[in-house]
Amino acid sequence: MFEKGFEENAPPEEAPAAVGGVPAEPAEGAIQRLEEQLREAVDRHLRLAAEFDNFRKRVARERIELADRAQAALVMKLLDILDDVDRIVASDPGTATPALLEAMLLVDKKLRKELEAAGLERIDPVGQPFDPAWHEAVSVLAPPEPEQDHTVAATFQVGYRFRGSLVRPARVQVYSSEGHA
């Protein structure tokens, strides 16, 4: 009976009651705190997801670059073989049997086809303007006509690009009026 009357006459609580000696947090404050924690957790999650996506993209890009470098290294080793095949194909037909020459032509054609499919481009710039980014001048020749100044006169060794990157510059002879009077 005493307890019943006490409850009915108790003033409304303005401050939260203590639970286990620790004051309870008001409901509105708890909601705001939890909403802020949720926002922070969502923000952290989004940042981590973006960082992981960037990491995944970087690893994929590095993997492709590594494969390209490995393929370019293989192509560079094959360039000497291509040069040897070019010399055999360009040699005097009387020094080789027709069957051997035909076999070499077929091997040359197939090898070039596969390397081109993989991204190898041949650089043979005869008649084009000299470009030091793609060509290496090994000799200079006076131009027969002034408009041929700084153009490639001959190619001593063809150059190659692999997937747009220079693997070996073309070694060329360049028409140049500089130094020739």
C-alpha atoms as a PDB file:
ATOM      1  CA  MET A   1       0.000   0.000   0.000  1.00  0.00           C
ATOM      2  CA  PHE A   2       2.775   2.362   0.813  1.00  0.00           C
ATOM      3  CA  GLU A   3       4.450   1.626  -2.462  1.00  0.00           C
ATOM      4  CA  LYS A   4       1.267   2.183  -4.446  1.00  0.00           C
ATOM      5  CA  GLY A   5       0.665   5.614  -3.035  1.00  0.00           C
ATOM      6  CA  PHE A   6       4.265   6.583  -3.538  1.00  0.00           C
ATOM      7  CA  GLU A   7       4.101   5.789  -7.238  1.00  0.00           C
ATOM      8  CA  GLU A   8       0.925   7.721  -7.775  1.00  0.00           C
ATOM      9  CA  ASN A   9       2.223  10.829  -6.053  1.00  0.00           C
ATOM     10  CA  ALA A  10       5.744  10.762  -7.525  1.00  0.00           C
ATOM     11  CA  PRO A  11       6.728  13.871  -9.509  1.00  0.00           C
ATOM     12  CA  PRO A  12       7.465  13.401 -13.200  1.00  0.00           C
ATOM     13  CA  GLU A  13      11.135  12.657 -13.755  1.00  0.00           C
ATOM     14  CA  GLU A  14      13.098  15.298 -15.548  1.00  0.00           C
ATOM     15  CA  ALA A  15      16.471  13.640 -15.203  1.00  0.00           C
ATOM     16  CA  PRO A  16      16.980  10.027 -16.195  1.00  0.00           C
ATOM     17  CA  ALA A  17      17.236   7.563 -13.389  1.00  0.00           C
ATOM     18  CA  ALA A  18      20.555   6.042 -12.506  1.00  0.00           C
ATOM     19  CA  VAL A  19      21.166   2.478 -13.610  1.00  0.00           C
ATOM     20  CA  GLY A  20      23.752   0.652 -11.565  1.00  0.00           C
ATOM     21  CA  GLY A  21      25.103   3.935 -10.224  1.00  0.00           C
ATOM     22  CA  VAL A  22      25.640   5.414 -13.742  1.00  0.00           C
ATOM     23  CA  PRO A  23      23.201   8.079 -14.878  1.00  0.00           C
ATOM     24  CA  ALA A  24      21.163   6.984 -17.896  1.00  0.00           C
ATOM     25  CA  GLU A  25      21.439   8.989 -21.095  1.00  0.00           C
ATOM     26  CA  PRO A  26      18.346  10.833 -22.328  1.00  0.00           C
ATOM     27  CA  ALA A  27      16.671   9.053 -25.239  1.00  0.00           C
ATOM     28  CA  GLU A  28      17.144  11.993 -27.637  1.00  0.00           C
ATOM     29  CA  GLY A  29      20.851  12.236 -26.795  1.00  0.00           C
ATOM     30  CA  ALA A  30      21.295   8.499 -27.297  1.00  0.00           C
ATOM     31  CA  ILE A  31      19.601   8.680 -30.696  1.00  0.00           C
ATOM     32  CA  GLN A  32      21.820  11.581 -31.804  1.00  0.00           C
ATOM     33  CA  ARG A  33      24.952   9.820 -30.545  1.00  0.00           C
ATOM     34  CA  LEU A  34      24.037   6.573 -32.285  1.00  0.00           C
ATOM     35  CA  GLU A  35      23.144   8.389 -35.525  1.00  0.00           C
ATOM     36  CA  GLU A  36      26.560  10.128 -35.458  1.00  0.00           C
ATOM     37  CA  GLN A  37      28.290   6.797 -34.829  1.00  0.00           C
ATOM     38  CA  LEU A  38      26.346   5.290 -37.726  1.00  0.00           C
ATOM     39  CA  ARG A  39      27.351   8.168 -40.025  1.00  0.00           C
ATOM     40  CA  GLU A  40      30.988   7.735 -39.017  1.00  0.00           C
ATOM     41  CA  ALA A  41      30.808   3.967 -39.594  1.00  0.00           C
ATOM     42  CA  VAL A  42      29.193   4.432 -43.013  1.00  0.00           C
ATOM     43  CA  ASP A  43      31.797   7.059 -43.944  1.00  0.00           C
ATOM     44  CA  ARG A  44      34.606   4.746 -42.795  1.00  0.00           C
ATOM     45  CA  HIS A  45      33.065   1.887 -44.792  1.00  0.00           C
ATOM     46  CA  LEU A  46      32.802   4.024 -47.950  1.00  0.00           C
ATOM     47  CA  ARG A  47      36.413   5.192 -47.579  1.00  0.00           C
ATOM     48  CA  LEU A  48      37.657   1.639 -47.101  1.00  0.00           C
ATOM     49  CA  ALA A  49      35.628   0.453 -50.095  1.00  0.00           C
ATOM     50  CA  ALA A  50      37.125   3.248 -52.240  1.00  0.00           C
ATOM     51  CA  GLU A  51      40.647   2.474 -51.012  1.00  0.00           C
ATOM     52  CA  PHE A  52      40.151  -1.215 -51.793  1.00  0.00           C
ATOM     53  CA  ASP A  53      38.807  -0.390 -55.257  1.00  0.00           C
ATOM     54  CA  ASN A  54      41.854   1.831 -55.928  1.00  0.00           C
ATOM     55  CA  PHE A  55      44.142  -0.926 -54.647  1.00  0.00           C
ATOM     56  CA  ARG A  56      42.458  -3.498 -56.885  1.00  0.00           C
ATOM     57  CA  LYS A  57      42.792  -1.223 -59.921  1.00  0.00           C
ATOM     58  CA  ARG A  58      46.451  -0.456 -59.133  1.00  0.00           C
ATOM     59  CA  VAL A  59      47.290  -4.151 -58.762  1.00  0.00           C
ATOM     60  CA  ALA A  60      45.546  -4.966 -62.058  1.00  0.00           C
ATOM     61  CA  ARG A  61      47.414  -2.119 -63.807  1.00  0.00           C
ATOM     62  CA  GLU A  62      50.751  -3.264 -62.324  1.00  0.00           C
ATOM     63  CA  ARG A  63      50.044  -6.839 -63.395  1.00  0.00           C
ATOM     64  CA  ILE A  64      49.411  -5.688 -66.977  1.00  0.00           C
ATOM     65  CA  GLU A  65      52.560  -3.522 -66.948  1.00  0.00           C
ATOM     66  CA  LEU A  66      54.612  -6.446 -65.639  1.00  0.00           C
ATOM     67  CA  ALA A  67      53.264  -8.737 -68.365  1.00  0.00           C
ATOM     68  CA  ASP A  68      53.990  -6.062 -71.000  1.00  0.00           C
ATOM     69  CA  ARG A  69      57.563  -5.666 -69.736  1.00  0.00           C
ATOM     70  CA  ALA A  70      58.090  -9.427 -69.799  1.00  0.00           C
ATOM     71  CA  GLN A  71      56.702  -9.650 -73.333  1.00  0.00           C
ATOM     72  CA  ALA A  72      58.840  -6.692 -74.445  1.00  0.00           C
ATOM     73  CA  ALA A  73      61.929  -8.407 -73.028  1.00  0.00           C
ATOM     74  CA  LEU A  74      61.100 -11.524 -75.038  1.00  0.00           C
ATOM     75  CA  VAL A  75      60.493  -9.454 -78.165  1.00  0.00           C
ATOM     76  CA  MET A  76      63.863  -7.723 -77.707  1.00  0.00           C
ATOM     77  CA  LYS A  77      65.559 -11.125 -77.635  1.00  0.00           C
ATOM     78  CA  LEU A  78      63.734 -12.108 -80.832  1.00  0.00           C
ATOM     79  CA  LEU A  79      64.792  -8.968 -82.731  1.00  0.00           C
ATOM     80  CA  ASP A  80      68.254 -10.373 -83.456  1.00  0.00           C
ATOM     81  CA  ILE A  81      66.620 -13.497 -84.846  1.00  0.00           C
ATOM     82  CA  LEU A  82      64.364 -11.347 -87.043  1.00  0.00           C
ATOM     83  CA  ASP A  83      67.440  -9.474 -88.292  1.00  0.00           C
ATOM     84  CA  ASP A  84      69.142 -12.795 -89.130  1.00  0.00           C
ATOM     85  CA  VAL A  85      66.048 -13.990 -91.001  1.00  0.00           C
ATOM     86  CA  ASP A  86      65.948 -10.658 -92.883  1.00  0.00           C
ATOM     87  CA  ARG A  87      69.584 -11.151 -93.942  1.00  0.00           C
ATOM     88  CA  ILE A  88      68.897 -14.675 -95.141  1.00  0.00           C
ATOM     89  CA  VAL A  89      65.809 -13.592 -97.088  1.00  0.00           C
ATOM     90  CA  ALA A  90      67.699 -10.647 -98.630  1.00  0.00           C
ATOM     91  CA  SER A  91      70.764 -12.732 -99.489  1.00  0.00           C
ATOM     92  CA  ASP A  92      71.714 -13.884-102.967  1.00  0.00           C
ATOM     93  CA  PRO A  93      69.167 -16.513-104.086  1.00  0.00           C
ATOM     94  CA  GLY A  94      71.969 -18.516-105.695  1.00  0.00           C
ATOM     95  CA  THR A  95      73.615 -19.222-102.310  1.00  0.00           C
ATOM     96  CA  ALA A  96      70.627 -21.104-100.885  1.00  0.00           C
ATOM     97  CA  THR A  97      68.483 -23.844-102.305  1.00  0.00           C
ATOM     98  CA  PRO A  98      65.022 -22.716-103.426  1.00  0.00           C
ATOM     99  CA  ALA A  99      63.382 -25.024-100.858  1.00  0.00           C
ATOM    100  CA  LEU A 100      65.446 -23.561 -98.017  1.00  0.00           C
ATOM    101  CA  LEU A 101      64.738 -20.008 -99.137  1.00  0.00           C
ATOM    102  CA  GLU A 102      60.998 -20.742 -99.391  1.00  0.00           C
ATOM    103  CA  ALA A 103      61.049 -22.324 -95.908  1.00  0.00           C
ATOM    104  CA  MET A 104      62.799 -19.257 -94.493  1.00  0.00           C
ATOM    105  CA  LEU A 105      60.232 -16.971 -96.141  1.00  0.00           C
ATOM    106  CA  LEU A 106      57.397 -18.965 -94.552  1.00  0.00           C
ATOM    107  CA  VAL A 107      59.048 -18.899 -91.108  1.00  0.00           C
ATOM    108  CA  ASP A 108      59.660 -15.140 -91.482  1.00  0.00           C
ATOM    109  CA  LYS A 109      56.037 -14.515 -92.473  1.00  0.00           C
ATOM    110  CA  LYS A 110      54.577 -16.583 -89.613  1.00  0.00           C
ATOM    111  CA  LEU A 111      56.916 -15.142 -86.993  1.00  0.00           C
ATOM    112  CA  ARG A 112      56.179 -11.564 -88.063  1.00  0.00           C
ATOM    113  CA  LYS A 113      52.433 -12.243 -88.145  1.00  0.00           C
ATOM    114  CA  GLU A 114      52.438 -13.538 -84.555  1.00  0.00           C
ATOM    115  CA  LEU A 115      54.644 -10.737 -83.265  1.00  0.00           C
ATOM    116  CA  GLU A 116      52.508  -8.098 -84.976  1.00  0.00           C
ATOM    117  CA  ALA A 117      49.396  -9.661 -83.461  1.00  0.00           C
ATOM    118  CA  ALA A 118      51.087  -9.354 -80.050  1.00  0.00           C
ATOM    119  CA  GLY A 119      51.728  -5.625 -80.655  1.00  0.00           C
ATOM    120  CA  LEU A 120      55.101  -5.372 -82.432  1.00  0.00           C
ATOM    121  CA  GLU A 121      55.380  -2.610 -85.056  1.00  0.00           C
ATOM    122  CA  ARG A 122      58.234  -2.305 -87.545  1.00  0.00           C
ATOM    123  CA  ILE A 123      59.849   1.130 -88.012  1.00  0.00           C
ATOM    124  CA  ASP A 124      61.360   1.643 -91.473  1.00  0.00           C
ATOM    125  CA  PRO A 125      61.229   5.424 -92.000  1.00  0.00           C
ATOM    126  CA  VAL A 126      62.833   5.897 -95.434  1.00  0.00           C
ATOM    127  CA  GLY A 127      61.517   9.139 -96.957  1.00  0.00           C
ATOM    128  CA  GLN A 128      59.950  10.319 -93.698  1.00  0.00           C
ATOM    129  CA  PRO A 129      61.129  13.269 -91.581  1.00  0.00           C
ATOM    130  CA  PHE A 130      63.877  12.346 -89.132  1.00  0.00           C
ATOM    131  CA  ASP A 131      62.515  11.970 -85.581  1.00  0.00           C
ATOM    132  CA  PRO A 132      65.165  11.452 -82.878  1.00  0.00           C
ATOM    133  CA  ALA A 133      62.529   9.933 -80.592  1.00  0.00           C
ATOM    134  CA  TRP A 134      62.132   6.968 -82.996  1.00  0.00           C
ATOM    135  CA  HIS A 135      65.308   7.067 -85.149  1.00  0.00           C
ATOM    136  CA  GLU A 136      69.036   6.968 -84.474  1.00  0.00           C
ATOM    137  CA  ALA A 137      71.113   8.806 -87.083  1.00  0.00           C
ATOM    138  CA  VAL A 138      74.281   6.839 -87.817  1.00  0.00           C
ATOM    139  CA  SER A 139      75.343   8.809 -90.890  1.00  0.00           C
ATOM    140  CA  VAL A 140      74.565  12.057 -92.678  1.00  0.00           C
ATOM    141  CA  LEU A 141      74.321  12.713 -96.395  1.00  0.00           C
ATOM    142  CA  ALA A 142      73.956  15.972 -98.308  1.00  0.00           C
ATOM    143  CA  PRO A 143      70.401  16.274 -99.642  1.00  0.00           C
ATOM    144  CA  PRO A 144      69.999  16.080-103.441  1.00  0.00           C
ATOM    145  CA  GLU A 145      67.148  18.612-103.157  1.00  0.00           C
ATOM    146  CA  PRO A 146      66.615  21.244-100.401  1.00  0.00           C
ATOM    147  CA  GLU A 147      63.147  19.920 -99.466  1.00  0.00           C
ATOM    148  CA  GLN A 148      64.710  16.566 -98.501  1.00  0.00           C
ATOM    149  CA  ASP A 149      66.708  18.200 -95.704  1.00  0.00           C
ATOM    150  CA  HIS A 150      66.238  16.306 -92.398  1.00  0.00           C
ATOM    151  CA  THR A 151      64.517  13.318 -94.017  1.00  0.00           C
ATOM    152  CA  VAL A 152      65.624   9.708 -93.742  1.00  0.00           C
ATOM    153  CA  ALA A 153      67.691   8.633 -96.769  1.00  0.00           C
ATOM    154  CA  ALA A 154      68.217   4.963 -95.867  1.00  0.00           C
ATOM    155  CA  THR A 155      67.592   2.503 -93.071  1.00  0.00           C
ATOM    156  CA  PHE A 156      70.563   0.439 -91.907  1.00  0.00           C
ATOM    157  CA  GLN A 157      68.652  -1.434 -89.215  1.00  0.00           C
ATOM    158  CA  VAL A 158      64.872  -1.321 -88.847  1.00  0.00           C
ATOM    159  CA  GLY A 159      63.472  -0.251 -85.504  1.00  0.00           C
ATOM    160  CA  TYR A 160      60.589  -1.664 -83.530  1.00  0.00           C
ATOM    161  CA  ARG A 161      57.835  -0.462 -81.222  1.00  0.00           C
ATOM    162  CA  PHE A 162      56.030  -2.844 -78.924  1.00  0.00           C
ATOM    163  CA  ARG A 163      52.535  -1.718 -77.945  1.00  0.00           C
ATOM    164  CA  GLY A 164      53.470   1.879 -78.671  1.00  0.00           C
ATOM    165  CA  SER A 165      56.739   1.872 -76.684  1.00  0.00           C
ATOM    166  CA  LEU A 166      60.068   2.038 -78.467  1.00  0.00           C
ATOM    167  CA  VAL A 167      61.945  -1.244 -78.196  1.00  0.00           C
ATOM    168  CA  ARG A 168      64.719  -0.394 -80.647  1.00  0.00           C
ATOM    169  CA  PRO A 169      65.209   2.805 -82.664  1.00  0.00           C
ATOM    170  CA  ALA A 170      65.674   2.554 -86.416  1.00  0.00           C
ATOM    171  CA  ARG A 171      69.324   3.184 -87.330  1.00  0.00           C
ATOM    172  CA  VAL A 172      69.213   5.490 -90.312  1.00  0.00           C
ATOM    173  CA  GLN A 173      71.074   7.712 -92.721  1.00  0.00           C
ATOM    174  CA  VAL A 174      69.721  11.261 -92.758  1.00  0.00           C
ATOM    175  CA  TYR A 175      69.811  13.975 -95.411  1.00  0.00           C
ATOM    176  CA  SER A 176      71.185  17.101 -93.799  1.00  0.00           C
ATOM    177  CA  SER A 177      72.550  20.304 -95.264  1.00  0.00           C
ATOM    178  CA  GLU A 178      74.225  21.168 -91.958  1.00  0.00           C
ATOM    179  CA  GLY A 179      77.939  20.521 -92.184  1.00  0.00           C
ATOM    180  CA  HIS A 180      77.800  20.261 -95.982  1.00  0.00           C
ATOM    181  CA  ALA A 181      78.635  23.384 -97.989  1.00  0.00           C
END
